[in-house]
Amino acid sequence: MYTVFTILVGVAIGFIDALPMFMKKMDKANCWSAFFQYVVVTFIIFNTSLPQLNISHIFVGPIVSFLMSLPIVIIIGKSEKKAVPIVIANAIVLGFIISVIKHFTAQCFI
């Protein structure tokens, strides 16, 4: 059940990230890449803790999401420099949202 919930949250977050791209009629491969990026990011955040960093669990999402967005930022930074801050901001904000969802639903699955 937890895995299904994780994937549903990932689909919702991926939809939030990719919908503006689809609406602007951007390249479909880029849109689907952004969508699946957040499905995977959500799955990883929901199953990760970072005790070695000695940080609050609520910050795991933004950190993991930011780190996972770095390869994408490097790729798009070459051709679309204006998109870099948007991608980084999305990673941090959406990662935080994922952590908040994880925090408030964790008790439901224990």
C-alpha atoms as a PDB file:
ATOM      1  CA  MET A   1       0.000   0.000   0.000  1.00  0.00           C
ATOM      2  CA  TYR A   2       2.829   2.375   0.867  1.00  0.00           C
ATOM      3  CA  THR A   3       4.456   1.809  -2.523  1.00  0.00           C
ATOM      4  CA  VAL A   4       1.205   2.560  -4.338  1.00  0.00           C
ATOM      5  CA  PHE A   5       0.746   5.742  -2.281  1.00  0.00           C
ATOM      6  CA  THR A   6       4.339   6.771  -3.022  1.00  0.00           C
ATOM      7  CA  ILE A   7       3.820   6.302  -6.753  1.00  0.00           C
ATOM      8  CA  LEU A   8       0.518   8.242  -6.644  1.00  0.00           C
ATOM      9  CA  VAL A   9       2.226  11.138  -4.868  1.00  0.00           C
ATOM     10  CA  GLY A  10       5.028  10.968  -7.448  1.00  0.00           C
ATOM     11  CA  VAL A  11       2.519  11.095 -10.294  1.00  0.00           C
ATOM     12  CA  ALA A  12       0.821  14.122  -8.706  1.00  0.00           C
ATOM     13  CA  ILE A  13       4.110  15.959  -8.170  1.00  0.00           C
ATOM     14  CA  GLY A  14       5.293  15.006 -11.662  1.00  0.00           C
ATOM     15  CA  PHE A  15       2.032  16.337 -13.065  1.00  0.00           C
ATOM     16  CA  ILE A  16       2.540  19.633 -11.180  1.00  0.00           C
ATOM     17  CA  ASP A  17       6.027  19.960 -12.649  1.00  0.00           C
ATOM     18  CA  ALA A  18       5.288  18.866 -16.216  1.00  0.00           C
ATOM     19  CA  LEU A  19       1.861  20.438 -16.784  1.00  0.00           C
ATOM     20  CA  PRO A  20       3.211  23.937 -17.542  1.00  0.00           C
ATOM     21  CA  MET A  21       5.674  22.378 -19.969  1.00  0.00           C
ATOM     22  CA  PHE A  22       2.908  20.470 -21.763  1.00  0.00           C
ATOM     23  CA  MET A  23       0.758  23.627 -21.871  1.00  0.00           C
ATOM     24  CA  LYS A  24       3.609  25.596 -23.478  1.00  0.00           C
ATOM     25  CA  LYS A  25       3.828  22.812 -26.076  1.00  0.00           C
ATOM     26  CA  MET A  26       7.452  22.095 -25.240  1.00  0.00           C
ATOM     27  CA  ASP A  27       9.184  19.023 -26.599  1.00  0.00           C
ATOM     28  CA  LYS A  28       7.236  15.967 -25.422  1.00  0.00           C
ATOM     29  CA  ALA A  29      10.406  14.089 -24.466  1.00  0.00           C
ATOM     30  CA  ASN A  30      11.404  16.937 -22.130  1.00  0.00           C
ATOM     31  CA  CYS A  31       7.916  17.019 -20.606  1.00  0.00           C
ATOM     32  CA  TRP A  32       7.833  13.287 -19.967  1.00  0.00           C
ATOM     33  CA  SER A  33      11.383  13.412 -18.632  1.00  0.00           C
ATOM     34  CA  ALA A  34      10.361  16.040 -16.054  1.00  0.00           C
ATOM     35  CA  PHE A  35       7.275  14.024 -15.136  1.00  0.00           C
ATOM     36  CA  PHE A  36       9.158  10.769 -14.562  1.00  0.00           C
ATOM     37  CA  GLN A  37      11.985  12.615 -12.800  1.00  0.00           C
ATOM     38  CA  TYR A  38       9.568  13.528 -10.016  1.00  0.00           C
ATOM     39  CA  VAL A  39       7.973  10.088  -9.887  1.00  0.00           C
ATOM     40  CA  VAL A  40      11.455   8.691  -9.210  1.00  0.00           C
ATOM     41  CA  VAL A  41      12.451  11.560  -6.885  1.00  0.00           C
ATOM     42  CA  THR A  42       9.314  10.973  -4.812  1.00  0.00           C
ATOM     43  CA  PHE A  43      10.027   7.262  -4.534  1.00  0.00           C
ATOM     44  CA  ILE A  44      13.599   7.959  -3.405  1.00  0.00           C
ATOM     45  CA  ILE A  45      12.599  10.673  -0.906  1.00  0.00           C
ATOM     46  CA  PHE A  46       9.892   8.477   0.613  1.00  0.00           C
ATOM     47  CA  ASN A  47      12.464   5.730   1.154  1.00  0.00           C
ATOM     48  CA  THR A  48      15.465   7.795   2.250  1.00  0.00           C
ATOM     49  CA  SER A  49      16.728   9.343   5.441  1.00  0.00           C
ATOM     50  CA  LEU A  50      19.961  11.246   5.831  1.00  0.00           C
ATOM     51  CA  PRO A  51      21.043  10.728   9.452  1.00  0.00           C
ATOM     52  CA  GLN A  52      24.692  11.284   8.533  1.00  0.00           C
ATOM     53  CA  LEU A  53      23.909  14.936   7.725  1.00  0.00           C
ATOM     54  CA  ASN A  54      22.211  15.441  11.098  1.00  0.00           C
ATOM     55  CA  ILE A  55      19.348  17.434   9.568  1.00  0.00           C
ATOM     56  CA  SER A  56      15.621  17.437  10.119  1.00  0.00           C
ATOM     57  CA  HIS A  57      13.736  14.858   8.047  1.00  0.00           C
ATOM     58  CA  ILE A  58      11.733  17.672   6.459  1.00  0.00           C
ATOM     59  CA  PHE A  59      14.860  18.848   4.612  1.00  0.00           C
ATOM     60  CA  VAL A  60      15.623  15.453   3.071  1.00  0.00           C
ATOM     61  CA  GLY A  61      13.231  16.166   0.189  1.00  0.00           C
ATOM     62  CA  PRO A  62      14.735  19.468  -0.941  1.00  0.00           C
ATOM     63  CA  ILE A  63      18.277  18.117  -0.650  1.00  0.00           C
ATOM     64  CA  VAL A  64      17.613  14.886  -2.550  1.00  0.00           C
ATOM     65  CA  SER A  65      15.504  16.642  -5.175  1.00  0.00           C
ATOM     66  CA  PHE A  66      18.142  19.341  -5.680  1.00  0.00           C
ATOM     67  CA  LEU A  67      20.941  16.796  -6.007  1.00  0.00           C
ATOM     68  CA  MET A  68      18.947  14.708  -8.471  1.00  0.00           C
ATOM     69  CA  SER A  69      18.193  17.786 -10.574  1.00  0.00           C
ATOM     70  CA  LEU A  70      21.864  18.740 -11.003  1.00  0.00           C
ATOM     71  CA  PRO A  71      22.487  16.525 -14.075  1.00  0.00           C
ATOM     72  CA  ILE A  72      19.405  18.018 -15.731  1.00  0.00           C
ATOM     73  CA  VAL A  73      20.562  21.534 -14.854  1.00  0.00           C
ATOM     74  CA  ILE A  74      23.933  20.855 -16.456  1.00  0.00           C
ATOM     75  CA  ILE A  75      22.302  19.555 -19.632  1.00  0.00           C
ATOM     76  CA  ILE A  76      19.791  22.404 -20.037  1.00  0.00           C
ATOM     77  CA  GLY A  77      22.199  25.077 -18.832  1.00  0.00           C
ATOM     78  CA  LYS A  78      24.122  24.833 -22.063  1.00  0.00           C
ATOM     79  CA  SER A  79      21.180  25.790 -24.261  1.00  0.00           C
ATOM     80  CA  GLU A  80      18.628  27.484 -21.975  1.00  0.00           C
ATOM     81  CA  LYS A  81      20.323  29.501 -19.263  1.00  0.00           C
ATOM     82  CA  LYS A  82      17.037  31.160 -18.202  1.00  0.00           C
ATOM     83  CA  ALA A  83      15.562  27.779 -17.262  1.00  0.00           C
ATOM     84  CA  VAL A  84      18.303  26.889 -14.756  1.00  0.00           C
ATOM     85  CA  PRO A  85      16.989  28.919 -11.785  1.00  0.00           C
ATOM     86  CA  ILE A  86      13.453  27.710 -12.495  1.00  0.00           C
ATOM     87  CA  VAL A  87      14.524  24.057 -12.486  1.00  0.00           C
ATOM     88  CA  ILE A  88      16.511  24.534  -9.261  1.00  0.00           C
ATOM     89  CA  ALA A  89      13.639  26.378  -7.555  1.00  0.00           C
ATOM     90  CA  ASN A  90      11.176  23.680  -8.660  1.00  0.00           C
ATOM     91  CA  ALA A  91      13.475  20.982  -7.295  1.00  0.00           C
ATOM     92  CA  ILE A  92      13.729  22.645  -3.894  1.00  0.00           C
ATOM     93  CA  VAL A  93      10.034  23.549  -3.591  1.00  0.00           C
ATOM     94  CA  LEU A  94       8.696  20.239  -4.905  1.00  0.00           C
ATOM     95  CA  GLY A  95      11.205  18.324  -2.788  1.00  0.00           C
ATOM     96  CA  PHE A  96       9.959  20.203   0.261  1.00  0.00           C
ATOM     97  CA  ILE A  97       6.333  19.422  -0.642  1.00  0.00           C
ATOM     98  CA  ILE A  98       7.220  15.739  -0.979  1.00  0.00           C
ATOM     99  CA  SER A  99       8.869  15.797   2.459  1.00  0.00           C
ATOM    100  CA  VAL A 100       5.830  17.468   4.002  1.00  0.00           C
ATOM    101  CA  ILE A 101       3.513  14.864   2.469  1.00  0.00           C
ATOM    102  CA  LYS A 102       5.808  12.112   3.731  1.00  0.00           C
ATOM    103  CA  HIS A 103       5.870  13.655   7.211  1.00  0.00           C
ATOM    104  CA  PHE A 104       2.091  13.984   7.527  1.00  0.00           C
ATOM    105  CA  THR A 105       1.264  10.580   6.068  1.00  0.00           C
ATOM    106  CA  ALA A 106       3.979   8.485   7.701  1.00  0.00           C
ATOM    107  CA  GLN A 107       1.727   7.582  10.636  1.00  0.00           C
ATOM    108  CA  CYS A 108      -0.894   6.202   8.258  1.00  0.00           C
ATOM    109  CA  PHE A 109       1.422   3.433   7.085  1.00  0.00           C
ATOM    110  CA  ILE A 110       2.961   2.256  10.348  1.00  0.00           C
END
